[in-house]
N, C-alpha and C. Protein backbone atom coordinates (compact mmCIF):
# COMPACT_ATOMS: atom_id res chain seq x y z
N MET A 1 0.84 -1.20 0.00
CA MET A 1 0.00 0.00 0.00
C MET A 1 0.88 1.24 0.01
N VAL A 2 0.60 2.16 -0.92
CA VAL A 2 1.39 3.38 -1.01
C VAL A 2 1.11 4.29 0.18
N LYS A 3 2.14 5.02 0.60
CA LYS A 3 2.00 5.98 1.68
C LYS A 3 1.95 7.38 1.10
N ILE A 4 0.89 8.11 1.37
CA ILE A 4 0.80 9.52 0.97
C ILE A 4 1.42 10.34 2.10
N CYS A 5 2.56 10.95 1.82
CA CYS A 5 3.32 11.64 2.86
C CYS A 5 2.85 13.08 3.02
N GLU A 6 2.99 13.59 4.24
CA GLU A 6 2.60 14.97 4.53
C GLU A 6 3.59 15.97 3.96
N ASN A 7 4.87 15.58 3.90
CA ASN A 7 5.89 16.51 3.42
C ASN A 7 7.07 15.70 2.88
N THR A 8 8.00 16.41 2.26
CA THR A 8 9.15 15.74 1.64
C THR A 8 10.09 15.13 2.68
N ALA A 9 10.18 15.74 3.85
CA ALA A 9 11.03 15.17 4.91
C ALA A 9 10.54 13.79 5.30
N GLU A 10 9.24 13.64 5.42
CA GLU A 10 8.67 12.32 5.72
C GLU A 10 8.93 11.34 4.59
N ALA A 11 8.89 11.84 3.36
CA ALA A 11 9.06 10.96 2.20
C ALA A 11 10.45 10.35 2.14
N VAL A 12 11.49 11.12 2.49
CA VAL A 12 12.86 10.63 2.36
C VAL A 12 13.41 10.04 3.65
N ALA A 13 12.63 10.11 4.72
CA ALA A 13 13.08 9.53 5.98
C ALA A 13 13.38 8.04 5.79
N GLY A 14 14.49 7.59 6.35
CA GLY A 14 14.84 6.18 6.24
C GLY A 14 15.84 5.86 5.16
N ILE A 15 16.17 6.81 4.29
CA ILE A 15 17.22 6.56 3.30
C ILE A 15 18.55 6.49 4.05
N GLU A 16 19.26 5.42 3.86
CA GLU A 16 20.44 5.13 4.67
C GLU A 16 21.73 5.56 3.98
N ASP A 17 22.77 5.79 4.80
CA ASP A 17 24.11 6.03 4.27
C ASP A 17 24.52 4.86 3.39
N GLY A 18 25.21 5.15 2.30
CA GLY A 18 25.69 4.11 1.42
C GLY A 18 24.69 3.60 0.42
N SER A 19 23.49 4.21 0.38
CA SER A 19 22.45 3.75 -0.54
C SER A 19 22.80 4.08 -1.99
N THR A 20 22.26 3.26 -2.88
CA THR A 20 22.27 3.58 -4.31
C THR A 20 20.94 4.23 -4.63
N VAL A 21 21.00 5.48 -5.12
CA VAL A 21 19.79 6.28 -5.34
C VAL A 21 19.65 6.59 -6.83
N LEU A 22 18.53 6.15 -7.41
CA LEU A 22 18.21 6.51 -8.78
C LEU A 22 17.48 7.83 -8.76
N ILE A 23 17.93 8.80 -9.53
CA ILE A 23 17.32 10.13 -9.55
C ILE A 23 16.88 10.45 -10.96
N GLY A 24 15.57 10.64 -11.11
CA GLY A 24 14.99 10.91 -12.42
C GLY A 24 15.34 12.29 -12.94
N GLY A 25 15.06 12.47 -14.23
CA GLY A 25 15.29 13.77 -14.85
C GLY A 25 16.19 13.67 -16.06
N PHE A 26 15.92 14.49 -17.04
CA PHE A 26 16.77 14.68 -18.20
C PHE A 26 17.22 16.12 -18.15
N GLY A 27 18.43 16.35 -17.57
CA GLY A 27 18.74 17.71 -17.15
C GLY A 27 17.79 18.03 -16.01
N MET A 28 17.15 19.20 -16.09
CA MET A 28 16.20 19.59 -15.05
C MET A 28 14.79 19.12 -15.33
N ALA A 29 14.51 18.62 -16.55
CA ALA A 29 13.16 18.18 -16.90
C ALA A 29 12.81 16.91 -16.12
N GLY A 30 11.87 17.01 -15.22
CA GLY A 30 11.45 15.86 -14.45
C GLY A 30 12.30 15.57 -13.23
N MET A 31 13.30 16.40 -12.95
CA MET A 31 14.14 16.15 -11.77
C MET A 31 13.33 16.46 -10.51
N PRO A 32 13.35 15.54 -9.53
CA PRO A 32 12.58 15.73 -8.29
C PRO A 32 13.34 16.65 -7.32
N VAL A 33 13.40 17.93 -7.65
CA VAL A 33 14.25 18.86 -6.91
C VAL A 33 13.89 18.91 -5.44
N GLU A 34 12.60 18.97 -5.12
CA GLU A 34 12.19 19.09 -3.72
C GLU A 34 12.56 17.85 -2.91
N LEU A 35 12.48 16.67 -3.51
CA LEU A 35 12.91 15.46 -2.81
C LEU A 35 14.42 15.47 -2.58
N ILE A 36 15.17 15.95 -3.54
CA ILE A 36 16.62 16.04 -3.37
C ILE A 36 16.98 17.01 -2.26
N GLU A 37 16.29 18.15 -2.23
CA GLU A 37 16.53 19.11 -1.16
C GLU A 37 16.23 18.49 0.21
N ALA A 38 15.18 17.70 0.27
CA ALA A 38 14.84 17.03 1.54
C ALA A 38 15.90 15.99 1.90
N LEU A 39 16.46 15.33 0.89
CA LEU A 39 17.52 14.35 1.14
C LEU A 39 18.77 15.03 1.68
N ILE A 40 19.07 16.22 1.18
CA ILE A 40 20.21 16.97 1.71
C ILE A 40 19.98 17.28 3.19
N GLU A 41 18.78 17.73 3.51
CA GLU A 41 18.46 18.03 4.92
C GLU A 41 18.47 16.76 5.78
N GLN A 42 18.07 15.64 5.18
CA GLN A 42 17.99 14.38 5.92
C GLN A 42 19.36 13.90 6.34
N GLY A 43 20.37 14.11 5.49
CA GLY A 43 21.74 13.85 5.90
C GLY A 43 22.40 12.57 5.40
N ALA A 44 21.69 11.72 4.68
CA ALA A 44 22.31 10.49 4.18
C ALA A 44 23.54 10.82 3.33
N THR A 45 24.60 10.01 3.50
CA THR A 45 25.86 10.30 2.82
C THR A 45 26.45 9.04 2.22
N ASP A 46 27.60 9.18 1.56
CA ASP A 46 28.29 8.06 0.91
C ASP A 46 27.38 7.39 -0.11
N LEU A 47 26.62 8.20 -0.83
CA LEU A 47 25.62 7.70 -1.77
C LEU A 47 26.24 7.40 -3.14
N THR A 48 25.68 6.42 -3.82
CA THR A 48 25.91 6.22 -5.24
C THR A 48 24.67 6.69 -5.96
N VAL A 49 24.82 7.65 -6.87
CA VAL A 49 23.68 8.22 -7.59
C VAL A 49 23.71 7.73 -9.04
N ILE A 50 22.58 7.25 -9.50
CA ILE A 50 22.41 6.86 -10.91
C ILE A 50 21.41 7.84 -11.51
N SER A 51 21.86 8.58 -12.51
CA SER A 51 21.02 9.59 -13.16
C SER A 51 21.53 9.81 -14.56
N ASN A 52 20.73 10.45 -15.41
CA ASN A 52 21.20 10.70 -16.77
C ASN A 52 22.34 11.70 -16.77
N ASN A 53 22.20 12.77 -15.99
CA ASN A 53 23.21 13.82 -15.93
C ASN A 53 23.89 13.82 -14.57
N ALA A 54 24.92 14.63 -14.44
CA ALA A 54 25.63 14.76 -13.16
C ALA A 54 25.37 16.11 -12.51
N GLY A 55 24.19 16.63 -12.73
CA GLY A 55 23.79 17.87 -12.07
C GLY A 55 23.87 19.08 -12.98
N ASN A 56 22.97 20.05 -12.73
CA ASN A 56 22.91 21.28 -13.51
C ASN A 56 22.92 22.47 -12.55
N GLY A 57 23.78 23.44 -12.84
CA GLY A 57 23.82 24.64 -12.04
C GLY A 57 24.17 24.33 -10.59
N ASP A 58 23.39 24.91 -9.68
CA ASP A 58 23.65 24.73 -8.24
C ASP A 58 22.46 24.13 -7.50
N THR A 59 21.45 23.65 -8.24
CA THR A 59 20.24 23.15 -7.59
C THR A 59 20.06 21.67 -7.88
N GLY A 60 19.12 21.05 -7.16
CA GLY A 60 18.81 19.64 -7.41
C GLY A 60 20.00 18.74 -7.16
N LEU A 61 20.30 17.88 -8.10
CA LEU A 61 21.40 16.93 -7.96
C LEU A 61 22.72 17.65 -7.72
N ALA A 62 22.92 18.77 -8.39
CA ALA A 62 24.18 19.52 -8.19
C ALA A 62 24.34 19.94 -6.73
N ALA A 63 23.25 20.32 -6.08
CA ALA A 63 23.31 20.72 -4.67
C ALA A 63 23.66 19.52 -3.79
N LEU A 64 23.15 18.35 -4.14
CA LEU A 64 23.48 17.13 -3.38
C LEU A 64 24.96 16.82 -3.52
N LEU A 65 25.51 16.99 -4.72
CA LEU A 65 26.94 16.78 -4.93
C LEU A 65 27.75 17.80 -4.14
N ALA A 66 27.33 19.06 -4.19
CA ALA A 66 28.07 20.12 -3.52
C ALA A 66 28.09 19.92 -2.01
N ALA A 67 27.05 19.26 -1.50
CA ALA A 67 26.98 19.01 -0.05
C ALA A 67 27.90 17.87 0.37
N GLY A 68 28.57 17.22 -0.58
CA GLY A 68 29.52 16.17 -0.26
C GLY A 68 28.87 14.85 0.11
N ARG A 69 27.65 14.63 -0.32
CA ARG A 69 26.93 13.43 0.08
C ARG A 69 27.11 12.26 -0.88
N VAL A 70 27.71 12.51 -2.03
CA VAL A 70 27.75 11.48 -3.09
C VAL A 70 29.17 10.97 -3.28
N ARG A 71 29.33 9.66 -3.20
CA ARG A 71 30.63 9.03 -3.42
C ARG A 71 30.88 8.73 -4.89
N LYS A 72 29.81 8.35 -5.61
CA LYS A 72 29.98 7.92 -7.01
C LYS A 72 28.75 8.31 -7.81
N VAL A 73 28.98 8.72 -9.05
CA VAL A 73 27.91 9.01 -10.00
C VAL A 73 28.01 8.04 -11.16
N ILE A 74 26.88 7.43 -11.50
CA ILE A 74 26.76 6.59 -12.70
C ILE A 74 25.80 7.32 -13.62
N CYS A 75 26.28 7.77 -14.78
CA CYS A 75 25.42 8.57 -15.65
C CYS A 75 25.91 8.47 -17.09
N SER A 76 25.11 9.05 -17.99
CA SER A 76 25.48 9.01 -19.40
C SER A 76 26.07 10.33 -19.89
N PHE A 77 25.84 11.41 -19.16
CA PHE A 77 26.24 12.72 -19.67
C PHE A 77 26.73 13.58 -18.51
N PRO A 78 27.98 13.38 -18.07
CA PRO A 78 28.46 14.06 -16.86
C PRO A 78 28.87 15.51 -17.04
N ARG A 79 29.14 15.94 -18.27
CA ARG A 79 29.69 17.29 -18.45
C ARG A 79 28.89 18.09 -19.45
N GLN A 80 28.56 19.32 -19.07
CA GLN A 80 27.94 20.28 -19.95
C GLN A 80 28.28 21.66 -19.41
N THR A 81 27.74 22.71 -20.03
CA THR A 81 28.18 24.06 -19.67
C THR A 81 27.87 24.43 -18.23
N ASP A 82 26.81 23.82 -17.64
CA ASP A 82 26.45 24.20 -16.27
C ASP A 82 26.69 23.08 -15.26
N SER A 83 27.62 22.16 -15.57
CA SER A 83 27.91 21.05 -14.66
C SER A 83 29.18 21.33 -13.85
N TRP A 84 29.35 22.60 -13.45
CA TRP A 84 30.61 22.98 -12.77
C TRP A 84 30.79 22.32 -11.42
N VAL A 85 29.71 21.97 -10.73
CA VAL A 85 29.85 21.33 -9.43
C VAL A 85 30.50 19.97 -9.57
N PHE A 86 29.92 19.14 -10.45
CA PHE A 86 30.51 17.81 -10.66
C PHE A 86 31.93 17.94 -11.22
N ASP A 87 32.11 18.83 -12.17
CA ASP A 87 33.41 18.97 -12.83
C ASP A 87 34.51 19.29 -11.81
N GLY A 88 34.20 20.20 -10.90
CA GLY A 88 35.18 20.56 -9.89
C GLY A 88 35.48 19.41 -8.92
N LEU A 89 34.45 18.69 -8.52
CA LEU A 89 34.65 17.55 -7.63
C LEU A 89 35.45 16.45 -8.30
N TYR A 90 35.15 16.19 -9.56
CA TYR A 90 35.85 15.10 -10.27
C TYR A 90 37.31 15.44 -10.49
N ARG A 91 37.59 16.66 -10.90
CA ARG A 91 38.97 17.07 -11.12
C ARG A 91 39.78 17.06 -9.84
N ALA A 92 39.11 17.27 -8.70
CA ALA A 92 39.79 17.25 -7.41
C ALA A 92 39.90 15.85 -6.83
N GLY A 93 39.36 14.86 -7.55
CA GLY A 93 39.43 13.48 -7.07
C GLY A 93 38.50 13.18 -5.91
N ARG A 94 37.44 13.97 -5.78
CA ARG A 94 36.54 13.82 -4.63
C ARG A 94 35.27 13.05 -4.97
N ILE A 95 35.16 12.57 -6.20
CA ILE A 95 33.96 11.81 -6.58
C ILE A 95 34.34 10.83 -7.69
N GLU A 96 33.72 9.66 -7.68
CA GLU A 96 33.95 8.65 -8.71
C GLU A 96 32.91 8.79 -9.82
N LEU A 97 33.28 8.33 -11.01
CA LEU A 97 32.39 8.42 -12.16
C LEU A 97 32.41 7.11 -12.94
N GLU A 98 31.21 6.64 -13.30
CA GLU A 98 31.07 5.55 -14.25
C GLU A 98 30.16 6.04 -15.37
N VAL A 99 30.71 6.11 -16.58
CA VAL A 99 29.93 6.57 -17.73
C VAL A 99 29.25 5.39 -18.39
N VAL A 100 27.96 5.52 -18.65
CA VAL A 100 27.16 4.49 -19.30
C VAL A 100 26.41 5.13 -20.47
N PRO A 101 26.51 4.60 -21.68
CA PRO A 101 25.75 5.16 -22.80
C PRO A 101 24.27 5.26 -22.44
N GLN A 102 23.62 6.30 -22.92
CA GLN A 102 22.27 6.63 -22.47
C GLN A 102 21.27 5.48 -22.68
N GLY A 103 21.30 4.85 -23.83
CA GLY A 103 20.40 3.73 -24.08
C GLY A 103 20.69 2.57 -23.15
N ASN A 104 21.97 2.30 -22.93
CA ASN A 104 22.35 1.23 -21.99
C ASN A 104 21.89 1.54 -20.58
N LEU A 105 21.99 2.82 -20.20
CA LEU A 105 21.56 3.22 -18.86
C LEU A 105 20.08 2.88 -18.65
N ALA A 106 19.26 3.27 -19.61
CA ALA A 106 17.82 2.97 -19.51
C ALA A 106 17.56 1.49 -19.55
N GLU A 107 18.23 0.77 -20.44
CA GLU A 107 17.97 -0.67 -20.57
C GLU A 107 18.47 -1.45 -19.38
N ARG A 108 19.58 -1.01 -18.78
CA ARG A 108 20.08 -1.72 -17.59
C ARG A 108 19.13 -1.56 -16.42
N MET A 109 18.50 -0.40 -16.29
CA MET A 109 17.49 -0.24 -15.25
C MET A 109 16.21 -1.01 -15.60
N ARG A 110 15.84 -1.00 -16.86
CA ARG A 110 14.66 -1.77 -17.27
C ARG A 110 14.89 -3.25 -17.00
N ALA A 111 16.09 -3.72 -17.26
CA ALA A 111 16.42 -5.13 -17.01
C ALA A 111 16.29 -5.45 -15.52
N ALA A 112 16.72 -4.53 -14.68
CA ALA A 112 16.59 -4.75 -13.23
C ALA A 112 15.14 -4.92 -12.85
N GLY A 113 14.28 -4.08 -13.40
CA GLY A 113 12.86 -4.15 -13.07
C GLY A 113 12.19 -5.37 -13.65
N ALA A 114 12.71 -5.88 -14.77
CA ALA A 114 12.10 -7.03 -15.44
C ALA A 114 12.66 -8.35 -14.94
N GLY A 115 13.65 -8.30 -14.05
CA GLY A 115 14.24 -9.53 -13.53
C GLY A 115 15.17 -10.22 -14.51
N ILE A 116 15.74 -9.46 -15.44
CA ILE A 116 16.67 -10.01 -16.42
C ILE A 116 18.08 -10.01 -15.82
N GLY A 117 18.75 -11.17 -15.90
CA GLY A 117 20.05 -11.30 -15.26
C GLY A 117 21.15 -10.51 -15.92
N ALA A 118 21.12 -10.41 -17.25
CA ALA A 118 22.11 -9.66 -18.03
C ALA A 118 21.65 -9.70 -19.47
N PHE A 119 22.24 -8.85 -20.32
CA PHE A 119 21.87 -8.86 -21.74
C PHE A 119 23.07 -8.41 -22.56
N TYR A 120 23.06 -8.79 -23.83
CA TYR A 120 24.11 -8.40 -24.76
C TYR A 120 23.65 -7.20 -25.57
N CYS A 121 24.55 -6.21 -25.72
CA CYS A 121 24.22 -4.97 -26.42
C CYS A 121 25.42 -4.53 -27.27
N PRO A 122 25.20 -4.01 -28.47
CA PRO A 122 26.33 -3.60 -29.31
C PRO A 122 26.92 -2.25 -28.94
N THR A 123 26.21 -1.45 -28.16
CA THR A 123 26.68 -0.10 -27.85
C THR A 123 27.95 -0.14 -27.01
N GLY A 124 28.95 0.59 -27.43
CA GLY A 124 30.21 0.67 -26.68
C GLY A 124 31.27 -0.32 -27.12
N VAL A 125 30.92 -1.26 -27.98
CA VAL A 125 31.90 -2.24 -28.44
C VAL A 125 33.08 -1.53 -29.09
N GLY A 126 34.30 -1.93 -28.71
CA GLY A 126 35.49 -1.34 -29.30
C GLY A 126 35.92 -0.02 -28.68
N THR A 127 35.24 0.41 -27.61
CA THR A 127 35.60 1.65 -26.94
C THR A 127 36.06 1.36 -25.51
N GLN A 128 36.53 2.39 -24.82
CA GLN A 128 36.96 2.23 -23.43
C GLN A 128 35.82 1.77 -22.54
N LEU A 129 34.59 2.08 -22.91
CA LEU A 129 33.45 1.71 -22.08
C LEU A 129 33.24 0.20 -22.03
N ALA A 130 33.81 -0.51 -22.98
CA ALA A 130 33.64 -1.98 -23.01
C ALA A 130 34.87 -2.71 -22.48
N GLU A 131 35.89 -1.98 -22.07
CA GLU A 131 37.12 -2.63 -21.60
C GLU A 131 36.83 -3.48 -20.36
N GLY A 132 37.33 -4.73 -20.39
CA GLY A 132 37.15 -5.63 -19.26
C GLY A 132 35.81 -6.33 -19.21
N LYS A 133 34.93 -6.04 -20.17
CA LYS A 133 33.61 -6.68 -20.18
C LYS A 133 33.61 -7.85 -21.16
N GLU A 134 32.76 -8.81 -20.86
CA GLU A 134 32.63 -9.99 -21.73
C GLU A 134 31.96 -9.60 -23.05
N THR A 135 32.47 -10.11 -24.14
CA THR A 135 31.87 -9.86 -25.47
C THR A 135 31.51 -11.18 -26.12
N ARG A 136 30.62 -11.10 -27.08
CA ARG A 136 30.18 -12.29 -27.78
C ARG A 136 29.74 -11.90 -29.19
N GLU A 137 30.08 -12.73 -30.16
CA GLU A 137 29.65 -12.49 -31.54
C GLU A 137 28.35 -13.22 -31.79
N ILE A 138 27.35 -12.49 -32.25
CA ILE A 138 26.03 -13.03 -32.56
C ILE A 138 25.65 -12.60 -33.96
N ASP A 139 25.44 -13.59 -34.85
CA ASP A 139 25.07 -13.29 -36.25
C ASP A 139 26.05 -12.32 -36.89
N GLY A 140 27.34 -12.51 -36.59
CA GLY A 140 28.36 -11.71 -37.23
C GLY A 140 28.62 -10.35 -36.63
N ARG A 141 27.94 -10.03 -35.54
CA ARG A 141 28.12 -8.73 -34.90
C ARG A 141 28.57 -8.92 -33.45
N THR A 142 29.48 -8.06 -32.98
CA THR A 142 30.01 -8.19 -31.62
C THR A 142 29.13 -7.42 -30.64
N TYR A 143 28.84 -8.08 -29.53
CA TYR A 143 28.02 -7.49 -28.47
C TYR A 143 28.80 -7.56 -27.15
N VAL A 144 28.46 -6.64 -26.25
CA VAL A 144 29.08 -6.62 -24.93
C VAL A 144 28.03 -6.96 -23.88
N LEU A 145 28.42 -7.72 -22.88
CA LEU A 145 27.50 -8.14 -21.84
C LEU A 145 27.32 -7.02 -20.81
N GLU A 146 26.07 -6.66 -20.56
CA GLU A 146 25.75 -5.60 -19.60
C GLU A 146 24.85 -6.17 -18.49
N TYR A 147 25.05 -5.68 -17.29
CA TYR A 147 24.29 -6.16 -16.14
C TYR A 147 23.28 -5.11 -15.66
N PRO A 148 22.24 -5.54 -14.99
CA PRO A 148 21.22 -4.60 -14.52
C PRO A 148 21.76 -3.57 -13.54
N LEU A 149 21.11 -2.42 -13.51
CA LEU A 149 21.39 -1.37 -12.53
C LEU A 149 20.20 -1.28 -11.59
N ARG A 150 20.43 -1.61 -10.33
CA ARG A 150 19.37 -1.58 -9.32
C ARG A 150 19.64 -0.48 -8.31
N GLY A 151 18.59 0.01 -7.70
CA GLY A 151 18.74 1.03 -6.67
C GLY A 151 18.07 0.61 -5.38
N ASN A 152 18.61 1.08 -4.26
CA ASN A 152 17.90 0.94 -3.00
C ASN A 152 16.67 1.85 -2.99
N VAL A 153 16.84 3.03 -3.61
CA VAL A 153 15.79 4.05 -3.60
C VAL A 153 15.74 4.70 -4.97
N ALA A 154 14.53 5.03 -5.44
CA ALA A 154 14.36 5.88 -6.61
C ALA A 154 13.64 7.14 -6.19
N LEU A 155 14.17 8.29 -6.59
CA LEU A 155 13.50 9.58 -6.39
C LEU A 155 13.09 10.08 -7.77
N ILE A 156 11.78 10.16 -8.00
CA ILE A 156 11.33 10.57 -9.34
C ILE A 156 10.23 11.62 -9.22
N GLY A 157 10.00 12.32 -10.31
CA GLY A 157 8.94 13.31 -10.38
C GLY A 157 7.88 12.86 -11.37
N ALA A 158 6.61 13.01 -11.00
CA ALA A 158 5.50 12.74 -11.90
C ALA A 158 4.54 13.92 -11.84
N ASP A 159 3.56 13.92 -12.71
CA ASP A 159 2.60 15.02 -12.72
C ASP A 159 1.50 14.80 -11.69
N ARG A 160 0.86 13.64 -11.76
CA ARG A 160 -0.23 13.34 -10.83
C ARG A 160 -0.16 11.89 -10.38
N SER A 161 -0.70 11.66 -9.20
CA SER A 161 -0.87 10.31 -8.66
C SER A 161 -2.28 10.21 -8.09
N ASP A 162 -2.86 9.01 -8.16
CA ASP A 162 -4.07 8.80 -7.37
C ASP A 162 -3.66 8.30 -5.99
N ARG A 163 -4.63 8.05 -5.15
CA ARG A 163 -4.32 7.70 -3.78
C ARG A 163 -3.78 6.27 -3.64
N MET A 164 -3.82 5.51 -4.72
CA MET A 164 -3.20 4.18 -4.73
C MET A 164 -1.75 4.24 -5.17
N GLY A 165 -1.32 5.37 -5.79
CA GLY A 165 0.04 5.51 -6.25
C GLY A 165 0.24 5.30 -7.74
N ASN A 166 -0.85 5.19 -8.51
CA ASN A 166 -0.72 5.12 -9.97
C ASN A 166 -0.30 6.49 -10.49
N LEU A 167 0.65 6.50 -11.44
CA LEU A 167 1.28 7.76 -11.86
C LEU A 167 1.03 8.08 -13.33
N VAL A 168 0.86 9.37 -13.59
CA VAL A 168 0.93 9.90 -14.95
C VAL A 168 1.98 11.01 -14.96
N TYR A 169 2.59 11.23 -16.12
CA TYR A 169 3.69 12.17 -16.24
C TYR A 169 3.31 13.30 -17.20
N ARG A 170 4.12 14.34 -17.19
CA ARG A 170 3.89 15.47 -18.10
C ARG A 170 4.97 15.50 -19.17
N ARG A 171 4.62 15.07 -20.35
CA ARG A 171 5.45 15.19 -21.55
C ARG A 171 6.88 14.68 -21.30
N THR A 172 7.90 15.49 -21.65
CA THR A 172 9.27 14.98 -21.56
C THR A 172 9.76 14.81 -20.12
N ALA A 173 9.01 15.34 -19.15
CA ALA A 173 9.39 15.12 -17.75
C ALA A 173 9.26 13.66 -17.36
N ARG A 174 8.65 12.87 -18.23
CA ARG A 174 8.51 11.43 -17.98
C ARG A 174 9.87 10.73 -18.00
N ASN A 175 10.67 10.99 -18.98
CA ASN A 175 11.99 10.42 -19.26
C ASN A 175 12.31 9.13 -18.50
N PHE A 176 13.20 9.16 -17.49
CA PHE A 176 13.67 7.93 -16.84
C PHE A 176 12.78 7.47 -15.69
N GLY A 177 11.76 8.24 -15.34
CA GLY A 177 10.93 7.89 -14.20
C GLY A 177 10.34 6.49 -14.24
N PRO A 178 9.72 6.08 -15.34
CA PRO A 178 9.10 4.76 -15.37
C PRO A 178 10.06 3.60 -15.15
N VAL A 179 11.24 3.61 -15.77
CA VAL A 179 12.17 2.49 -15.56
C VAL A 179 12.79 2.55 -14.18
N MET A 180 13.04 3.74 -13.67
CA MET A 180 13.61 3.85 -12.33
C MET A 180 12.63 3.32 -11.28
N ALA A 181 11.35 3.57 -11.48
CA ALA A 181 10.35 3.10 -10.51
C ALA A 181 10.36 1.58 -10.40
N THR A 182 10.65 0.90 -11.49
CA THR A 182 10.67 -0.56 -11.46
C THR A 182 11.97 -1.12 -10.92
N ALA A 183 13.05 -0.32 -10.94
CA ALA A 183 14.39 -0.83 -10.65
C ALA A 183 14.83 -0.62 -9.22
N ALA A 184 14.01 0.02 -8.40
CA ALA A 184 14.40 0.34 -7.02
C ALA A 184 13.59 -0.47 -6.02
N THR A 185 14.20 -0.73 -4.89
CA THR A 185 13.50 -1.40 -3.79
C THR A 185 12.40 -0.51 -3.25
N THR A 186 12.70 0.80 -3.10
CA THR A 186 11.73 1.78 -2.61
C THR A 186 11.66 2.93 -3.59
N THR A 187 10.46 3.23 -4.07
CA THR A 187 10.25 4.33 -5.02
C THR A 187 9.47 5.44 -4.36
N ILE A 188 10.09 6.64 -4.36
CA ILE A 188 9.50 7.83 -3.74
C ILE A 188 9.24 8.84 -4.84
N VAL A 189 8.03 9.37 -4.87
CA VAL A 189 7.60 10.20 -6.00
C VAL A 189 7.06 11.53 -5.51
N GLN A 190 7.53 12.62 -6.13
CA GLN A 190 6.90 13.92 -5.89
C GLN A 190 5.98 14.21 -7.07
N VAL A 191 4.79 14.72 -6.77
CA VAL A 191 3.80 15.00 -7.80
C VAL A 191 3.22 16.40 -7.60
N ARG A 192 2.62 16.89 -8.64
CA ARG A 192 1.92 18.18 -8.57
C ARG A 192 0.59 18.06 -7.83
N GLU A 193 -0.03 16.89 -7.96
CA GLU A 193 -1.37 16.72 -7.41
C GLU A 193 -1.65 15.26 -7.13
N VAL A 194 -2.31 14.99 -6.03
CA VAL A 194 -2.84 13.67 -5.73
C VAL A 194 -4.36 13.72 -5.89
N VAL A 195 -4.89 12.85 -6.72
CA VAL A 195 -6.33 12.82 -6.98
C VAL A 195 -6.94 11.55 -6.40
N GLU A 196 -8.23 11.50 -6.32
CA GLU A 196 -8.89 10.33 -5.78
C GLU A 196 -8.72 9.14 -6.72
N THR A 197 -8.67 7.97 -6.16
CA THR A 197 -8.58 6.75 -6.96
C THR A 197 -9.78 6.65 -7.88
N GLY A 198 -9.48 6.40 -9.16
CA GLY A 198 -10.52 6.34 -10.17
C GLY A 198 -10.60 7.60 -11.01
N ALA A 199 -9.93 8.68 -10.58
CA ALA A 199 -9.97 9.94 -11.32
C ALA A 199 -9.04 9.94 -12.53
N LEU A 200 -8.04 9.07 -12.53
CA LEU A 200 -7.11 8.99 -13.65
C LEU A 200 -7.64 8.01 -14.69
N ASP A 201 -7.48 8.35 -15.96
CA ASP A 201 -7.83 7.44 -17.03
C ASP A 201 -6.89 6.24 -16.96
N PRO A 202 -7.39 5.02 -16.79
CA PRO A 202 -6.51 3.86 -16.71
C PRO A 202 -5.60 3.70 -17.92
N GLU A 203 -6.05 4.16 -19.08
CA GLU A 203 -5.22 4.04 -20.28
C GLU A 203 -4.07 5.02 -20.29
N ALA A 204 -4.13 6.05 -19.42
CA ALA A 204 -3.07 7.07 -19.38
C ALA A 204 -2.05 6.79 -18.29
N ILE A 205 -2.32 5.81 -17.42
CA ILE A 205 -1.38 5.51 -16.34
C ILE A 205 -0.13 4.86 -16.91
N VAL A 206 1.03 5.42 -16.58
CA VAL A 206 2.30 4.91 -17.09
C VAL A 206 2.96 4.00 -16.07
N THR A 207 3.02 4.44 -14.82
CA THR A 207 3.61 3.64 -13.75
C THR A 207 2.51 3.15 -12.82
N PRO A 208 2.26 1.83 -12.80
CA PRO A 208 1.24 1.31 -11.89
C PRO A 208 1.68 1.38 -10.44
N CYS A 209 0.70 1.40 -9.55
CA CYS A 209 0.97 1.61 -8.14
C CYS A 209 1.83 0.52 -7.50
N ILE A 210 1.89 -0.65 -8.12
CA ILE A 210 2.68 -1.73 -7.54
C ILE A 210 4.16 -1.36 -7.43
N TYR A 211 4.62 -0.40 -8.23
CA TYR A 211 6.02 0.03 -8.22
C TYR A 211 6.27 1.23 -7.31
N VAL A 212 5.25 1.77 -6.67
CA VAL A 212 5.37 3.03 -5.94
C VAL A 212 5.18 2.78 -4.45
N ASP A 213 6.02 3.39 -3.63
CA ASP A 213 5.95 3.21 -2.18
C ASP A 213 5.50 4.46 -1.44
N LYS A 214 6.02 5.62 -1.85
CA LYS A 214 5.66 6.87 -1.18
C LYS A 214 5.38 7.94 -2.22
N VAL A 215 4.39 8.78 -1.92
CA VAL A 215 4.02 9.90 -2.79
C VAL A 215 3.89 11.15 -1.93
N VAL A 216 4.39 12.28 -2.45
CA VAL A 216 4.24 13.55 -1.73
C VAL A 216 3.90 14.63 -2.75
N THR A 217 3.01 15.51 -2.38
CA THR A 217 2.64 16.65 -3.23
C THR A 217 3.58 17.81 -2.94
N VAL A 218 4.11 18.43 -3.99
CA VAL A 218 4.98 19.59 -3.82
C VAL A 218 4.46 20.73 -4.70
C-alpha cells in the first residue's frame, strides 16, 4: 500500500548512508528537486547516484553533490556548460564516475525491473566503455554483456498520482521515471497533485501503483 506523505522530509526519511539512489530527470526536466533538497536536509551520505546527468547549475542533484553526500555518480552525460559542481569535484578526485551510454543506462534499469540477469548490447563495443567486459559475436556482430542497474531508492517526479500511487507524467518530464520506478526497492515520487482513486484514465497511467511506495505533493 502506497503511503501519501505529509511533506518531503517524511518521504525521504529512512534513506540510509551508502544507498544507491536513482534520480529521475533529463537535465532539469522531471528532476525531483524538492525530494533532493529534503535528502540533503535528511543527511544520508556516501551515496551512489544513478542519473542521466551529473547535475545542472547549483540546484537539485548539483546541490546534493556540492553538499559532499555522493561518493559515485553513474550517468550518461556528466559534463555540460552548467555542470561545474561535478566537474570541480571530479577534477579534485573527490567523486567517482562511471559513464554508461544513455540507451544502456535505460535498458540496464529496465532489465533490473524485469528480472533479467544480463543482456548483450552492441553499444560501446570497441571503446573504453567496453574494456574488461565480456563480449560475444552473434550473427556476425560483436556485443558486450551488460548487467542490470538496481537502486535501493528511486527519487522521481511525476505530474499526478491517485491515492493508490498510480502515476501519470507530463510530456518529456517522464523520461527515466518509469524504468527507475521498477528498478528500485523503494520508489519515492513527488507530484503536482494527488487525486482520488478512479480519477485517472486507466489508459493514461504509465507507472502502476505496484512500483510506488511513497508519494508527496509539492
